Amino acid sequence: MSDHILSAFDRDLEAVQALVVKMGGIVEEQILNSARALETRDADLAKTVRERDRAVDQLEEKINEEAARLIALRAPAARDLRVALSVIKISASLERVGDYAKNIAKRSKVLLDSPPINGTPAAIRRMAQATEAMLKDALDSYIQRDVDLARDVRTRDLEVDQMYNALFREFLTYMLEDPRNITPCMHLHFIAKNIERMGDHATSIAEQVIYLVTGELPDDTRPKSSSVIETEV
């Protein structure tokens, strides 16, 4: 491959990776804003989160198109092919996280008509902050090709699982204490589950980094709380 073609490939690859970083920045903001809208009962902020999800979807589409074009036109070698494929997989994870943030904003709007459940919005905010920090570090590990940071993100998913389990037990208690709490607690439970799934996707990004750098996916079982309740959301 000539130096001219190689440099063109590198430029194209840098451009598509820059789109991934841009997408990641928007998604990080969406996580925090969705949790803030819930805690402050801010209907306008929740609406902004819902509307901005379209920008996330558009970026995923553009990343997929550019990555596919790159693979088709440049016929990259094995390592460069892993990089090109990684942007597709990472953008897919980011798109799912964006969807979860949008879902939280939708449920926040519904919860405006219900009395607040003591302390739970703040607990959900803390869980969202922990997940956003995981995602930020996963993306930083991608930019820096930092396997140690990626592995650290992977282990921190257990903390998010434990936070989810604690909230789930709280919601059960509130529902048993007063049947009027059932509807808001169910919405809050699905919100907490959305955030727990965000952590799973941040972990998946970290695992892609490990594969990208080492050529192998982690061969050990992902750290996971054994009591996490599996619920479709």
Protein backbone atom coordinates (compact mmCIF):
# COMPACT_ATOMS: atom_id res chain seq x y z
CA MET A 1 0.00 0.00 0.00
CA SER A 2 1.49 3.37 -0.99
CA ASP A 3 2.22 6.10 1.54
CA HIS A 4 -0.36 8.29 -0.18
CA ILE A 5 -3.11 5.67 0.19
CA LEU A 6 -2.02 4.88 3.75
CA SER A 7 -2.21 8.52 4.82
CA ALA A 8 -5.65 8.85 3.23
CA PHE A 9 -6.81 5.79 5.18
CA ASP A 10 -5.44 7.23 8.42
CA ARG A 11 -7.21 10.53 7.81
CA ASP A 12 -10.50 8.77 7.12
CA LEU A 13 -10.09 6.60 10.21
CA GLU A 14 -9.35 9.61 12.41
CA ALA A 15 -12.41 11.38 11.04
CA VAL A 16 -14.79 8.53 11.84
CA GLN A 17 -13.27 8.08 15.31
CA ALA A 18 -13.79 11.82 15.91
CA LEU A 19 -17.49 11.25 15.18
CA VAL A 20 -17.55 8.50 17.83
CA VAL A 21 -16.02 10.89 20.36
CA LYS A 22 -18.59 13.57 19.47
CA MET A 23 -21.41 11.06 19.82
CA GLY A 24 -20.04 9.93 23.16
CA GLY A 25 -19.97 13.49 24.48
CA ILE A 26 -23.64 14.01 23.59
CA VAL A 27 -24.64 10.71 25.17
CA GLU A 28 -22.76 11.49 28.39
CA GLU A 29 -24.68 14.76 28.62
CA GLN A 30 -27.96 12.95 27.90
CA ILE A 31 -27.38 10.59 30.84
CA LEU A 32 -26.83 13.43 33.31
CA ASN A 33 -29.63 15.61 31.95
CA SER A 34 -32.18 12.80 32.05
CA ALA A 35 -31.36 12.15 35.72
CA ARG A 36 -31.39 15.87 36.50
CA ALA A 37 -34.78 16.31 34.84
CA LEU A 38 -36.16 13.50 37.02
CA GLU A 39 -34.72 14.88 40.25
CA THR A 40 -35.72 18.52 39.65
CA ARG A 41 -39.02 17.60 37.94
CA ASP A 42 -37.97 19.74 34.99
CA ALA A 43 -40.35 19.02 32.11
CA ASP A 44 -38.49 21.31 29.71
CA LEU A 45 -35.17 19.55 30.31
CA ALA A 46 -36.84 16.16 29.86
CA LYS A 47 -38.23 17.38 26.54
CA THR A 48 -34.77 18.55 25.48
CA VAL A 49 -33.37 15.10 26.22
CA ARG A 50 -36.09 13.43 24.16
CA GLU A 51 -35.56 15.76 21.22
CA ARG A 52 -31.78 15.53 21.25
CA ASP A 53 -31.87 11.76 20.86
CA ARG A 54 -32.35 12.35 17.14
CA ALA A 55 -28.84 13.85 16.97
CA VAL A 56 -27.47 10.66 18.53
CA ASP A 57 -29.30 8.51 15.98
CA GLN A 58 -28.01 10.64 13.10
CA LEU A 59 -24.43 10.32 14.29
CA GLU A 60 -24.74 6.54 14.50
CA GLU A 61 -26.02 6.45 10.93
CA LYS A 62 -23.15 8.62 9.71
CA ILE A 63 -20.54 6.56 11.59
CA ASN A 64 -21.89 3.33 10.10
CA GLU A 65 -21.87 4.80 6.59
CA GLU A 66 -18.34 6.16 6.93
CA ALA A 67 -16.97 2.97 8.49
CA ALA A 68 -18.57 0.81 5.78
CA ARG A 69 -17.15 3.08 3.08
CA LEU A 70 -13.74 2.92 4.71
CA ILE A 71 -13.73 -0.87 4.77
CA ALA A 72 -15.01 -1.16 1.20
CA LEU A 73 -12.63 1.36 -0.38
CA ARG A 74 -9.45 0.91 1.66
CA ALA A 75 -9.47 -2.87 2.31
CA PRO A 76 -7.68 -2.39 5.64
CA ALA A 77 -5.28 -4.96 7.10
CA ALA A 78 -6.26 -6.98 10.20
CA ARG A 79 -5.44 -4.42 12.91
CA ASP A 80 -6.92 -1.49 10.99
CA LEU A 81 -9.98 -3.59 10.22
CA ARG A 82 -10.47 -4.13 13.98
CA VAL A 83 -10.40 -0.35 14.45
CA ALA A 84 -12.93 0.20 11.67
CA LEU A 85 -15.26 -2.46 13.06
CA SER A 86 -14.85 -1.14 16.61
CA VAL A 87 -16.35 2.22 15.72
CA ILE A 88 -19.49 0.47 14.43
CA LYS A 89 -19.85 -1.57 17.62
CA ILE A 90 -19.09 1.34 19.93
CA SER A 91 -21.53 3.66 18.15
CA ALA A 92 -24.21 0.96 18.48
CA SER A 93 -23.63 0.83 22.25
CA LEU A 94 -23.76 4.62 22.45
CA GLU A 95 -27.02 4.67 20.51
CA ARG A 96 -28.57 2.23 22.98
CA VAL A 97 -27.41 4.35 25.93
CA GLY A 98 -28.98 7.36 24.24
CA ASP A 99 -32.25 5.44 23.89
CA TYR A 100 -32.21 4.62 27.59
CA ALA A 101 -31.68 8.30 28.44
CA LYS A 102 -34.64 9.19 26.22
CA ASN A 103 -36.77 6.55 27.96
CA ILE A 104 -35.87 8.03 31.35
CA ALA A 105 -36.96 11.45 30.11
CA LYS A 106 -40.28 10.00 28.92
CA ARG A 107 -40.96 8.40 32.30
CA SER A 108 -39.93 11.59 34.09
CA LYS A 109 -42.74 13.39 32.30
CA VAL A 110 -45.22 10.79 33.56
CA LEU A 111 -43.86 11.06 37.12
CA LEU A 112 -44.61 14.80 37.21
CA ASP A 113 -48.20 13.87 38.05
CA SER A 114 -47.18 11.64 40.98
CA PRO A 115 -45.94 12.63 44.43
CA PRO A 116 -42.16 12.23 44.80
CA ILE A 117 -40.84 9.08 46.47
CA ASN A 118 -38.53 10.08 49.32
CA GLY A 119 -34.88 10.18 48.32
CA THR A 120 -35.12 8.01 45.23
CA PRO A 121 -34.53 10.69 42.55
CA ALA A 122 -31.27 11.65 44.28
CA ALA A 123 -30.25 7.98 44.49
CA ILE A 124 -31.00 7.57 40.79
CA ARG A 125 -28.93 10.68 40.05
CA ARG A 126 -25.95 9.16 41.89
CA MET A 127 -26.37 5.93 39.95
CA ALA A 128 -26.52 7.91 36.68
CA GLN A 129 -23.38 9.83 37.62
CA ALA A 130 -21.51 6.58 38.30
CA THR A 131 -22.64 5.21 34.94
CA GLU A 132 -21.73 8.41 33.08
CA ALA A 133 -18.25 8.26 34.65
CA MET A 134 -17.93 4.66 33.44
CA LEU A 135 -18.89 5.68 29.91
CA LYS A 136 -16.49 8.64 29.94
CA ASP A 137 -13.61 6.42 31.06
CA ALA A 138 -14.54 3.74 28.51
CA LEU A 139 -14.35 6.34 25.74
CA ASP A 140 -11.11 7.76 27.15
CA SER A 141 -9.66 4.25 27.17
CA TYR A 142 -10.64 3.97 23.52
CA ILE A 143 -9.01 7.27 22.57
CA GLN A 144 -5.85 6.45 24.53
CA ARG A 145 -5.86 2.69 23.76
CA ASP A 146 -5.58 2.23 27.54
CA VAL A 147 -6.27 -1.41 28.42
CA ASP A 148 -5.83 -0.85 32.17
CA LEU A 149 -8.48 1.88 32.20
CA ALA A 150 -10.81 -0.32 30.13
CA ARG A 151 -10.38 -3.15 32.63
CA ASP A 152 -11.11 -0.74 35.49
CA VAL A 153 -14.37 0.28 33.80
CA ARG A 154 -15.28 -3.37 33.44
CA THR A 155 -14.91 -4.01 37.18
CA ARG A 156 -16.92 -0.89 38.12
CA ASP A 157 -20.04 -2.31 36.50
CA LEU A 158 -20.50 -4.33 39.69
CA GLU A 159 -20.93 -1.09 41.67
CA VAL A 160 -23.75 0.04 39.38
CA ASP A 161 -25.42 -3.37 39.72
CA GLN A 162 -25.29 -3.07 43.51
CA MET A 163 -26.82 0.41 43.39
CA TYR A 164 -29.62 -0.95 41.22
CA ASN A 165 -30.27 -3.84 43.62
CA ALA A 166 -30.47 -1.45 46.57
CA LEU A 167 -32.98 0.74 44.74
CA PHE A 168 -35.06 -2.26 43.71
CA ARG A 169 -35.39 -3.30 47.38
CA GLU A 170 -36.39 0.25 48.32
CA PHE A 171 -39.08 0.33 45.66
CA LEU A 172 -40.52 -2.96 46.93
CA THR A 173 -40.65 -1.56 50.45
CA TYR A 174 -42.44 1.62 49.34
CA MET A 175 -44.97 -0.35 47.30
CA LEU A 176 -45.74 -2.66 50.22
CA GLU A 177 -46.15 0.29 52.57
CA ASP A 178 -48.67 2.13 50.41
CA PRO A 179 -50.43 0.86 47.23
CA ARG A 180 -50.47 4.45 45.94
CA ASN A 181 -46.71 4.13 45.52
CA ILE A 182 -47.00 1.22 43.10
CA THR A 183 -47.31 3.21 39.87
CA PRO A 184 -44.51 5.75 40.54
CA CYS A 185 -42.25 3.03 41.95
CA MET A 186 -42.73 0.90 38.85
CA HIS A 187 -41.68 3.83 36.67
CA LEU A 188 -38.70 4.51 38.93
CA HIS A 189 -37.74 0.85 38.80
CA PHE A 190 -37.68 0.90 35.00
CA ILE A 191 -35.60 4.09 35.12
CA ALA A 192 -33.08 2.42 37.44
CA LYS A 193 -33.00 -0.60 35.14
CA ASN A 194 -32.33 1.68 32.17
CA ILE A 195 -29.31 3.08 33.99
CA GLU A 196 -28.08 -0.39 34.91
CA ARG A 197 -28.24 -1.33 31.22
CA MET A 198 -26.26 1.82 30.39
CA GLY A 199 -23.51 0.44 32.60
CA ASP A 200 -23.60 -2.81 30.64
CA HIS A 201 -23.06 -0.89 27.40
CA ALA A 202 -20.20 1.14 28.89
CA THR A 203 -18.66 -2.19 29.87
CA SER A 204 -19.14 -3.51 26.34
CA ILE A 205 -17.26 -0.49 25.00
CA ALA A 206 -14.43 -1.19 27.46
CA GLU A 207 -14.33 -4.79 26.25
CA GLN A 208 -14.08 -3.58 22.66
CA VAL A 209 -11.04 -1.53 23.67
CA ILE A 210 -9.41 -4.60 25.21
CA TYR A 211 -10.07 -6.54 22.01
CA LEU A 212 -8.84 -3.68 19.84
CA VAL A 213 -5.52 -3.42 21.67
CA THR A 214 -4.82 -7.07 22.49
CA GLY A 215 -6.68 -8.87 19.71
CA GLU A 216 -8.61 -10.92 22.27
CA LEU A 217 -11.80 -10.37 24.22
CA PRO A 218 -11.57 -10.83 28.02
CA ASP A 219 -11.71 -14.54 28.76
CA ASP A 220 -13.03 -14.18 32.29
CA THR A 221 -16.65 -13.72 33.25
CA ARG A 222 -17.74 -10.10 33.44
CA PRO A 223 -18.11 -8.99 37.09
CA LYS A 224 -21.83 -9.01 37.87
CA SER A 225 -23.95 -8.85 40.98
CA SER A 226 -25.68 -12.19 41.36
CA SER A 227 -28.86 -10.57 42.62
CA VAL A 228 -29.46 -8.25 39.67
CA ILE A 229 -33.09 -8.64 38.64
CA GLU A 230 -33.36 -9.28 34.91
CA THR A 231 -36.22 -7.21 33.57
CA GLU A 232 -37.06 -6.31 29.98
CA VAL A 233 -37.42 -2.55 29.52
